[in-house]
Amino acid sequence: MHIAKNETVPDREVVGIFDIETATLSSDSRGFLKTMQDSFRAVNLCTDLPSSFVITAGAFTDRVYISSLSAKTLYRRVESGV
C-alpha cells in the first residue's frame, strides 16, 4: 500500500489506520505516538499538516507512519490493494 512520498508498506503489516485529529484526543494515543517518536520508530512523511497515521507490525520492527493523506484514502487503498 502506498502511504505517501514513495513510501509503501505491505498490506499484511498494517495493524491500523487512524485519523490523527480524532485519535490524538486520547492521552493514550498521544502517549503512544510520543513513545514511538522517542524510540525512533515513527516516520514522518508529511510536507503539510499530518492527517493520519498508520501502525505497522513487520517481521523485524513495528513502525508508525505519519501521513498527510486522509485515513479514509489510506483505508480505501488497503481495501483495493493499491
N, C-alpha and C. Protein backbone atom coordinates (compact mmCIF):
# COMPACT_ATOMS: atom_id res chain seq x y z
N MET A 1 0.85 -1.17 0.00
CA MET A 1 0.00 0.00 0.00
C MET A 1 0.89 1.23 0.00
N HIS A 2 0.60 2.16 -0.89
CA HIS A 2 1.33 3.42 -0.96
C HIS A 2 0.76 4.36 0.10
N ILE A 3 1.63 4.88 1.00
CA ILE A 3 1.13 5.75 2.06
C ILE A 3 1.55 7.20 1.93
N ALA A 4 2.57 7.50 1.15
CA ALA A 4 3.00 8.88 0.86
C ALA A 4 4.48 8.89 0.50
N LYS A 5 4.89 9.93 -0.24
CA LYS A 5 6.30 10.17 -0.55
C LYS A 5 7.05 8.91 -1.01
N ASN A 6 6.51 8.21 -1.95
CA ASN A 6 7.14 6.99 -2.46
C ASN A 6 7.34 5.91 -1.40
N GLU A 7 6.63 6.00 -0.31
CA GLU A 7 6.73 5.01 0.77
C GLU A 7 5.58 4.02 0.65
N THR A 8 5.91 2.75 0.68
CA THR A 8 4.89 1.70 0.64
C THR A 8 5.12 0.73 1.79
N VAL A 9 4.05 0.13 2.23
CA VAL A 9 4.13 -0.93 3.25
C VAL A 9 3.25 -2.08 2.78
N PRO A 10 3.66 -3.30 3.07
CA PRO A 10 2.82 -4.45 2.70
C PRO A 10 1.49 -4.41 3.45
N ASP A 11 0.40 -4.69 2.77
CA ASP A 11 -0.93 -4.69 3.38
C ASP A 11 -0.98 -5.58 4.62
N ARG A 12 -0.31 -6.71 4.57
CA ARG A 12 -0.36 -7.66 5.69
C ARG A 12 0.30 -7.12 6.95
N GLU A 13 1.12 -6.06 6.84
CA GLU A 13 1.78 -5.47 8.00
C GLU A 13 0.97 -4.35 8.64
N VAL A 14 -0.10 -3.90 7.99
CA VAL A 14 -0.90 -2.79 8.51
C VAL A 14 -1.77 -3.29 9.66
N VAL A 15 -1.56 -2.70 10.83
CA VAL A 15 -2.34 -3.04 12.02
C VAL A 15 -3.53 -2.11 12.15
N GLY A 16 -3.33 -0.83 11.83
CA GLY A 16 -4.41 0.13 11.93
C GLY A 16 -4.12 1.41 11.20
N ILE A 17 -5.18 2.09 10.79
CA ILE A 17 -5.11 3.39 10.13
C ILE A 17 -6.00 4.33 10.93
N PHE A 18 -5.44 5.46 11.35
CA PHE A 18 -6.15 6.35 12.25
C PHE A 18 -6.13 7.79 11.77
N ASP A 19 -7.24 8.48 11.96
CA ASP A 19 -7.31 9.91 11.73
C ASP A 19 -6.56 10.58 12.88
N ILE A 20 -5.57 11.38 12.57
CA ILE A 20 -4.71 11.93 13.61
C ILE A 20 -5.45 12.92 14.51
N GLU A 21 -6.40 13.64 13.95
CA GLU A 21 -7.12 14.65 14.73
C GLU A 21 -8.00 14.00 15.80
N THR A 22 -8.73 12.98 15.44
CA THR A 22 -9.62 12.35 16.42
C THR A 22 -8.87 11.39 17.34
N ALA A 23 -7.87 10.71 16.83
CA ALA A 23 -7.13 9.75 17.65
C ALA A 23 -6.32 10.43 18.75
N THR A 24 -5.80 11.61 18.46
CA THR A 24 -4.96 12.28 19.45
C THR A 24 -5.76 13.02 20.50
N LEU A 25 -7.07 12.90 20.48
CA LEU A 25 -7.88 13.44 21.57
C LEU A 25 -7.63 12.62 22.84
N SER A 26 -7.25 11.38 22.67
CA SER A 26 -6.98 10.48 23.79
C SER A 26 -5.53 10.64 24.25
N SER A 27 -5.35 10.74 25.56
CA SER A 27 -3.98 10.85 26.10
C SER A 27 -3.20 9.56 25.84
N ASP A 28 -3.89 8.43 25.78
CA ASP A 28 -3.21 7.16 25.48
C ASP A 28 -2.61 7.18 24.08
N SER A 29 -3.37 7.69 23.11
CA SER A 29 -2.87 7.77 21.73
C SER A 29 -1.71 8.73 21.63
N ARG A 30 -1.82 9.88 22.28
CA ARG A 30 -0.72 10.84 22.29
C ARG A 30 0.52 10.22 22.92
N GLY A 31 0.35 9.51 24.02
CA GLY A 31 1.47 8.84 24.67
C GLY A 31 2.11 7.79 23.79
N PHE A 32 1.27 7.02 23.09
CA PHE A 32 1.78 6.01 22.17
C PHE A 32 2.62 6.64 21.07
N LEU A 33 2.10 7.71 20.45
CA LEU A 33 2.84 8.38 19.38
C LEU A 33 4.16 8.96 19.90
N LYS A 34 4.13 9.53 21.08
CA LYS A 34 5.36 10.08 21.68
C LYS A 34 6.37 8.97 21.93
N THR A 35 5.92 7.84 22.46
CA THR A 35 6.82 6.71 22.69
C THR A 35 7.45 6.23 21.39
N MET A 36 6.65 6.14 20.34
CA MET A 36 7.17 5.70 19.04
C MET A 36 8.18 6.71 18.50
N GLN A 37 7.90 8.00 18.66
CA GLN A 37 8.84 9.03 18.20
C GLN A 37 10.13 8.98 19.01
N ASP A 38 10.01 8.85 20.32
CA ASP A 38 11.19 8.81 21.18
C ASP A 38 12.08 7.60 20.91
N SER A 39 11.49 6.52 20.45
CA SER A 39 12.26 5.31 20.16
C SER A 39 12.62 5.21 18.66
N PHE A 40 12.43 6.32 17.94
CA PHE A 40 12.79 6.42 16.52
C PHE A 40 12.07 5.39 15.65
N ARG A 41 10.83 5.08 16.02
CA ARG A 41 10.02 4.16 15.22
C ARG A 41 8.87 4.87 14.54
N ALA A 42 8.87 6.21 14.58
CA ALA A 42 7.85 7.00 13.87
C ALA A 42 8.52 7.61 12.64
N VAL A 43 7.84 7.51 11.51
CA VAL A 43 8.35 8.03 10.25
C VAL A 43 7.38 9.11 9.78
N ASN A 44 7.86 10.35 9.75
CA ASN A 44 7.03 11.46 9.32
C ASN A 44 7.15 11.63 7.81
N LEU A 45 6.06 11.43 7.10
CA LEU A 45 6.04 11.52 5.64
C LEU A 45 5.34 12.78 5.16
N CYS A 46 5.12 13.73 6.05
CA CYS A 46 4.33 14.92 5.72
C CYS A 46 5.18 16.07 5.21
N THR A 47 4.66 16.72 4.19
CA THR A 47 5.20 18.00 3.77
C THR A 47 4.25 19.11 4.23
N ASP A 48 3.02 18.72 4.51
CA ASP A 48 1.99 19.63 5.02
C ASP A 48 1.59 19.14 6.41
N LEU A 49 0.42 19.54 6.84
CA LEU A 49 -0.09 19.09 8.13
C LEU A 49 -0.41 17.60 8.09
N PRO A 50 -0.11 16.88 9.16
CA PRO A 50 -0.45 15.45 9.18
C PRO A 50 -1.96 15.25 9.26
N SER A 51 -2.43 14.22 8.60
CA SER A 51 -3.85 13.91 8.59
C SER A 51 -4.16 12.55 9.19
N SER A 52 -3.19 11.64 9.12
CA SER A 52 -3.43 10.28 9.60
C SER A 52 -2.12 9.64 10.04
N PHE A 53 -2.26 8.49 10.69
CA PHE A 53 -1.08 7.69 10.95
C PHE A 53 -1.44 6.22 10.77
N VAL A 54 -0.43 5.46 10.33
CA VAL A 54 -0.60 4.04 10.04
C VAL A 54 0.34 3.28 10.96
N ILE A 55 -0.20 2.33 11.70
CA ILE A 55 0.60 1.49 12.57
C ILE A 55 0.86 0.18 11.83
N THR A 56 2.13 -0.21 11.78
CA THR A 56 2.50 -1.46 11.12
C THR A 56 3.27 -2.36 12.09
N ALA A 57 3.16 -3.63 11.85
CA ALA A 57 3.92 -4.63 12.59
C ALA A 57 4.52 -5.58 11.57
N GLY A 58 5.84 -5.52 11.45
CA GLY A 58 6.52 -6.37 10.48
C GLY A 58 7.30 -7.47 11.16
N ALA A 59 8.01 -8.21 10.36
CA ALA A 59 8.79 -9.33 10.86
C ALA A 59 9.91 -8.86 11.79
N PHE A 60 10.48 -7.69 11.52
CA PHE A 60 11.63 -7.24 12.29
C PHE A 60 11.39 -5.98 13.12
N THR A 61 10.34 -5.22 12.81
CA THR A 61 10.12 -3.97 13.54
C THR A 61 8.69 -3.50 13.43
N ASP A 62 8.28 -2.71 14.40
CA ASP A 62 6.98 -2.03 14.38
C ASP A 62 7.25 -0.57 14.08
N ARG A 63 6.38 0.04 13.31
CA ARG A 63 6.55 1.44 12.93
C ARG A 63 5.20 2.15 12.93
N VAL A 64 5.30 3.47 13.03
CA VAL A 64 4.15 4.35 12.83
C VAL A 64 4.54 5.30 11.71
N TYR A 65 3.72 5.36 10.68
CA TYR A 65 3.95 6.27 9.57
C TYR A 65 2.93 7.40 9.67
N ILE A 66 3.41 8.62 9.70
CA ILE A 66 2.54 9.79 9.79
C ILE A 66 2.42 10.36 8.39
N SER A 67 1.18 10.49 7.92
CA SER A 67 0.92 10.84 6.52
C SER A 67 0.00 12.05 6.41
N SER A 68 0.14 12.76 5.32
CA SER A 68 -0.77 13.87 5.04
C SER A 68 -2.02 13.39 4.29
N LEU A 69 -2.03 12.11 3.89
CA LEU A 69 -3.22 11.55 3.25
C LEU A 69 -4.26 11.23 4.33
N SER A 70 -5.51 11.33 3.96
CA SER A 70 -6.57 11.05 4.93
C SER A 70 -6.64 9.57 5.26
N ALA A 71 -7.13 9.27 6.45
CA ALA A 71 -7.30 7.88 6.87
C ALA A 71 -8.26 7.16 5.92
N LYS A 72 -9.26 7.86 5.45
CA LYS A 72 -10.24 7.27 4.53
C LYS A 72 -9.57 6.85 3.22
N THR A 73 -8.71 7.71 2.69
CA THR A 73 -7.99 7.39 1.46
C THR A 73 -7.08 6.18 1.66
N LEU A 74 -6.36 6.16 2.77
CA LEU A 74 -5.46 5.04 3.05
C LEU A 74 -6.24 3.74 3.24
N TYR A 75 -7.36 3.82 3.92
CA TYR A 75 -8.19 2.63 4.12
C TYR A 75 -8.66 2.08 2.78
N ARG A 76 -9.08 2.96 1.87
CA ARG A 76 -9.53 2.52 0.55
C ARG A 76 -8.39 1.83 -0.21
N ARG A 77 -7.16 2.33 -0.01
CA ARG A 77 -6.02 1.71 -0.68
C ARG A 77 -5.77 0.31 -0.16
N VAL A 78 -5.92 0.10 1.12
CA VAL A 78 -5.77 -1.25 1.68
C VAL A 78 -6.85 -2.17 1.11
N GLU A 79 -8.07 -1.67 1.07
CA GLU A 79 -9.19 -2.47 0.56
C GLU A 79 -9.00 -2.84 -0.91
N SER A 80 -8.45 -1.92 -1.69
CA SER A 80 -8.31 -2.16 -3.13
C SER A 80 -6.97 -2.79 -3.49
N GLY A 81 -6.04 -2.86 -2.52
CA GLY A 81 -4.74 -3.46 -2.79
C GLY A 81 -3.78 -2.57 -3.53
N VAL A 82 -3.98 -1.24 -3.48
CA VAL A 82 -3.11 -0.29 -4.17
C VAL A 82 -1.91 0.03 -3.32
